[in-house]
């Protein structure tokens, strides 16, 4: 087991979760680290450690707050110290949409309809107060392939040509975006949690 980040015990205690069992859980493609806290009374929380300068938890906090204020289901923020990289949230459990679909392939359509309905609901609301998802943002996302994957696979890529090709494809799409909407990045079956064991209300 890797060592726990410095300051974890202090934050957990100050948040009212002192004495909780701490269980490291798999991370994602970032510098963030995650832990599940389990108290003796059965309550569980999800602890994220996203320290500066590699990460900044403030955008996550802003989006979660806005989603909840606008009737969308996002984890409740239980405690936070963003300058130190700490965020404690409600625990949505382990029921990922992907795992549910592996066990229930016959209900794939129902599950994806629920996921699409959530996007439709989001689209009908005024755009949130977030930075625009403009062409530089699109290109930054597209460049992750050549910045991370290709070097890891020892693949040589014409980086400038790759960026130019994406720019040529995306520029006309940006020009046609007349109505601003809130964009949920990384919205897919591995990141959608099913609360209550049902595919009808993905989160």
Protein backbone atom coordinates (compact mmCIF):
# COMPACT_ATOMS: atom_id res chain seq x y z
CA UNK A 1 0.00 0.00 0.00
CA UNK A 2 1.31 3.44 -0.89
CA UNK A 3 1.81 5.97 1.86
CA UNK A 4 -1.09 8.23 2.76
CA UNK A 5 -0.69 11.88 1.74
CA UNK A 6 0.64 14.25 4.36
CA UNK A 7 -2.17 16.12 6.09
CA UNK A 8 -4.82 13.46 5.49
CA UNK A 9 -5.39 12.65 9.17
CA UNK A 10 -5.63 16.32 10.09
CA UNK A 11 -8.23 17.05 7.40
CA UNK A 12 -10.29 13.95 8.21
CA UNK A 13 -10.33 14.76 11.92
CA UNK A 14 -11.20 18.43 11.35
CA UNK A 15 -14.07 17.31 9.10
CA UNK A 16 -15.64 15.22 11.83
CA UNK A 17 -14.54 11.90 10.40
CA UNK A 18 -11.74 11.14 12.85
CA UNK A 19 -11.34 7.43 13.51
CA UNK A 20 -12.90 6.42 10.18
CA UNK A 21 -11.34 3.51 8.32
CA UNK A 22 -9.39 4.73 5.28
CA UNK A 23 -9.45 2.59 2.15
CA UNK A 24 -7.43 3.68 -0.90
CA UNK A 25 -9.33 3.11 -4.15
CA UNK A 26 -8.09 3.08 -7.77
CA UNK A 27 -7.46 6.49 -9.27
CA UNK A 28 -7.95 7.86 -12.74
CA UNK A 29 -5.73 9.30 -15.47
CA UNK A 30 -4.61 12.25 -13.36
CA UNK A 31 -2.55 13.19 -10.30
CA UNK A 32 -5.64 12.87 -8.09
CA UNK A 33 -5.86 10.21 -5.38
CA UNK A 34 -9.03 8.78 -3.85
CA UNK A 35 -9.92 7.16 -0.55
CA UNK A 36 -13.15 5.74 0.88
CA UNK A 37 -13.81 6.65 4.50
CA UNK A 38 -15.98 4.33 6.59
CA UNK A 39 -17.20 5.38 10.02
CA UNK A 40 -18.30 3.07 12.80
CA UNK A 41 -21.90 4.25 12.35
CA UNK A 42 -21.91 2.83 8.80
CA UNK A 43 -21.65 6.15 6.98
CA UNK A 44 -19.19 6.34 4.09
CA UNK A 45 -17.56 9.27 2.32
CA UNK A 46 -15.32 9.71 -0.70
CA UNK A 47 -12.11 11.62 -0.10
CA UNK A 48 -10.29 13.20 -3.03
CA UNK A 49 -6.76 14.52 -2.80
CA UNK A 50 -6.00 16.88 -5.70
CA UNK A 51 -3.09 19.12 -4.66
CA UNK A 52 -1.75 22.13 -6.47
CA UNK A 53 0.06 22.70 -8.77
CA UNK A 54 -0.81 19.50 -10.65
CA UNK A 55 -4.51 19.65 -9.80
CA UNK A 56 -7.07 22.21 -8.64
CA UNK A 57 -10.24 20.97 -6.92
CA UNK A 58 -12.01 24.33 -7.14
CA UNK A 59 -13.53 23.73 -10.62
CA UNK A 60 -14.89 20.39 -9.37
CA UNK A 61 -16.47 22.14 -6.39
CA UNK A 62 -17.97 24.85 -8.59
CA UNK A 63 -19.50 22.36 -11.03
CA UNK A 64 -20.87 20.12 -8.27
CA UNK A 65 -22.47 23.11 -6.56
CA UNK A 66 -24.03 24.37 -9.80
CA UNK A 67 -25.40 20.95 -10.75
CA UNK A 68 -27.02 20.49 -7.36
CA UNK A 69 -28.47 24.02 -7.40
CA UNK A 70 -30.01 23.26 -10.79
CA UNK A 71 -31.70 20.02 -9.86
CA UNK A 72 -29.04 17.62 -11.14
CA UNK A 73 -27.64 14.81 -9.02
CA UNK A 74 -24.05 15.40 -7.98
CA UNK A 75 -22.22 14.32 -4.81
CA UNK A 76 -22.86 16.49 -1.78
CA UNK A 77 -19.73 18.26 -0.59
CA UNK A 78 -19.23 17.26 3.06
CA UNK A 79 -15.97 19.12 3.72
CA UNK A 80 -13.34 20.93 1.71
CA UNK A 81 -9.95 22.57 1.87
CA UNK A 82 -9.23 23.23 -1.82
CA UNK A 83 -6.00 25.16 -1.27
CA UNK A 84 -4.55 22.04 0.31
CA UNK A 85 -6.20 19.76 -2.27
CA UNK A 86 -8.76 18.08 0.01
CA UNK A 87 -12.42 17.43 -0.84
CA UNK A 88 -14.73 15.06 1.06
CA UNK A 89 -17.94 14.14 -0.74
CA UNK A 90 -20.95 11.92 -0.45
CA UNK A 91 -20.13 8.34 -1.43
CA UNK A 92 -22.12 7.14 -4.47
CA UNK A 93 -21.00 3.55 -3.92
CA UNK A 94 -19.58 1.12 -6.47
CA UNK A 95 -22.44 0.62 -8.94
CA UNK A 96 -20.99 1.93 -12.18
CA UNK A 97 -23.21 1.87 -15.23
CA UNK A 98 -20.62 -0.17 -17.13
CA UNK A 99 -20.55 -2.92 -14.50
CA UNK A 100 -24.35 -2.97 -14.37
CA UNK A 101 -24.50 -3.37 -18.15
CA UNK A 102 -21.99 -6.24 -18.04
CA UNK A 103 -24.39 -8.07 -15.72
CA UNK A 104 -27.59 -6.90 -17.46
CA UNK A 105 -26.87 -6.55 -21.20
CA UNK A 106 -30.54 -6.99 -22.02
CA UNK A 107 -31.26 -3.58 -20.45
CA UNK A 108 -28.58 -1.65 -22.32
CA UNK A 109 -31.09 0.50 -24.22
CA UNK A 110 -32.93 1.47 -21.02
CA UNK A 111 -29.67 2.44 -19.33
CA UNK A 112 -28.45 4.61 -22.18
CA UNK A 113 -31.84 6.23 -22.58
CA UNK A 114 -31.58 7.32 -18.94
CA UNK A 115 -28.09 8.70 -19.54
CA UNK A 116 -29.26 10.60 -22.62
CA UNK A 117 -32.31 11.95 -20.75
CA UNK A 118 -29.94 13.46 -18.17
CA UNK A 119 -28.08 15.28 -20.97
CA UNK A 120 -31.36 16.51 -22.46
CA UNK A 121 -32.35 17.86 -19.04
CA UNK A 122 -29.01 19.62 -18.77
CA UNK A 123 -29.33 21.05 -22.29
CA UNK A 124 -32.69 22.63 -21.46
CA UNK A 125 -31.20 24.66 -18.63
CA UNK A 126 -29.30 27.93 -19.05
CA UNK A 127 -25.57 27.40 -19.48
CA UNK A 128 -23.60 27.44 -16.26
CA UNK A 129 -21.08 30.16 -15.34
CA UNK A 130 -18.10 28.23 -16.66
CA UNK A 131 -15.27 29.01 -19.12
CA UNK A 132 -16.35 28.51 -22.75
CA UNK A 133 -15.71 25.17 -24.40
CA UNK A 134 -13.98 26.88 -27.30
CA UNK A 135 -11.57 25.70 -29.99
CA UNK A 136 -8.43 25.89 -27.79
CA UNK A 137 -10.23 23.74 -25.21
CA UNK A 138 -11.21 21.16 -27.83
CA UNK A 139 -7.65 21.07 -29.16
CA UNK A 140 -6.24 20.67 -25.66
CA UNK A 141 -8.46 17.63 -25.12
CA UNK A 142 -7.54 16.17 -28.52
CA UNK A 143 -3.83 16.65 -27.83
CA UNK A 144 -3.92 14.25 -24.87
CA UNK A 145 -3.51 11.39 -27.34
CA UNK A 146 -0.20 12.64 -28.69
CA UNK A 147 1.03 13.98 -25.35
CA UNK A 148 0.47 10.83 -23.31
CA UNK A 149 -0.61 7.75 -25.24
CA UNK A 150 1.68 7.99 -28.25
CA UNK A 151 4.89 8.48 -26.25
CA UNK A 152 3.88 5.62 -23.94
CA UNK A 153 3.51 3.39 -27.02
CA UNK A 154 6.70 4.73 -28.64
CA UNK A 155 4.69 6.12 -31.54
CA UNK A 156 6.10 9.00 -33.56
CA UNK A 157 3.46 11.58 -34.50
CA UNK A 158 3.41 14.75 -36.55
CA UNK A 159 2.09 16.82 -33.65
CA UNK A 160 1.65 20.03 -35.65
CA UNK A 161 -0.13 18.19 -38.44
CA UNK A 162 -2.35 16.40 -35.93
CA UNK A 163 -3.37 19.70 -34.31
CA UNK A 164 -3.97 21.34 -37.70
CA UNK A 165 -6.22 18.49 -38.81
CA UNK A 166 -8.34 18.76 -35.67
CA UNK A 167 -8.50 22.53 -36.04
CA UNK A 168 -9.77 22.20 -39.60
CA UNK A 169 -12.50 19.76 -38.55
CA UNK A 170 -13.60 21.57 -35.39
CA UNK A 171 -13.54 25.21 -36.48
CA UNK A 172 -16.77 24.98 -38.54
CA UNK A 173 -18.52 23.23 -35.65
CA UNK A 174 -17.54 25.98 -33.22
CA UNK A 175 -18.96 28.60 -35.58
CA UNK A 176 -22.34 26.82 -35.62
CA UNK A 177 -22.69 26.73 -31.82
CA UNK A 178 -25.34 29.42 -31.56
CA UNK A 179 -26.85 28.38 -28.22
CA UNK A 180 -24.42 27.92 -25.29
CA UNK A 181 -24.95 24.81 -23.16
CA UNK A 182 -23.16 23.22 -20.23
CA UNK A 183 -20.77 20.47 -21.31
CA UNK A 184 -20.13 17.42 -19.13
CA UNK A 185 -16.65 16.17 -19.94
CA UNK A 186 -15.81 12.47 -19.74
CA UNK A 187 -19.49 11.46 -19.64
CA UNK A 188 -19.55 7.72 -20.29
CA UNK A 189 -20.56 4.41 -18.74
CA UNK A 190 -17.45 4.05 -16.57
CA UNK A 191 -18.07 7.43 -14.92
CA UNK A 192 -21.85 7.20 -14.46
CA UNK A 193 -22.98 5.85 -11.10
CA UNK A 194 -26.31 4.09 -10.66
CA UNK A 195 -27.93 4.93 -7.34
CA UNK A 196 -30.39 2.40 -5.98
CA UNK A 197 -29.26 -0.28 -8.42
CA UNK A 198 -31.35 1.01 -11.34
CA UNK A 199 -30.31 2.29 -14.77
CA UNK A 200 -33.15 4.79 -14.93
CA UNK A 201 -31.41 7.51 -12.90
CA UNK A 202 -27.72 7.71 -13.87
CA UNK A 203 -25.60 10.23 -11.96
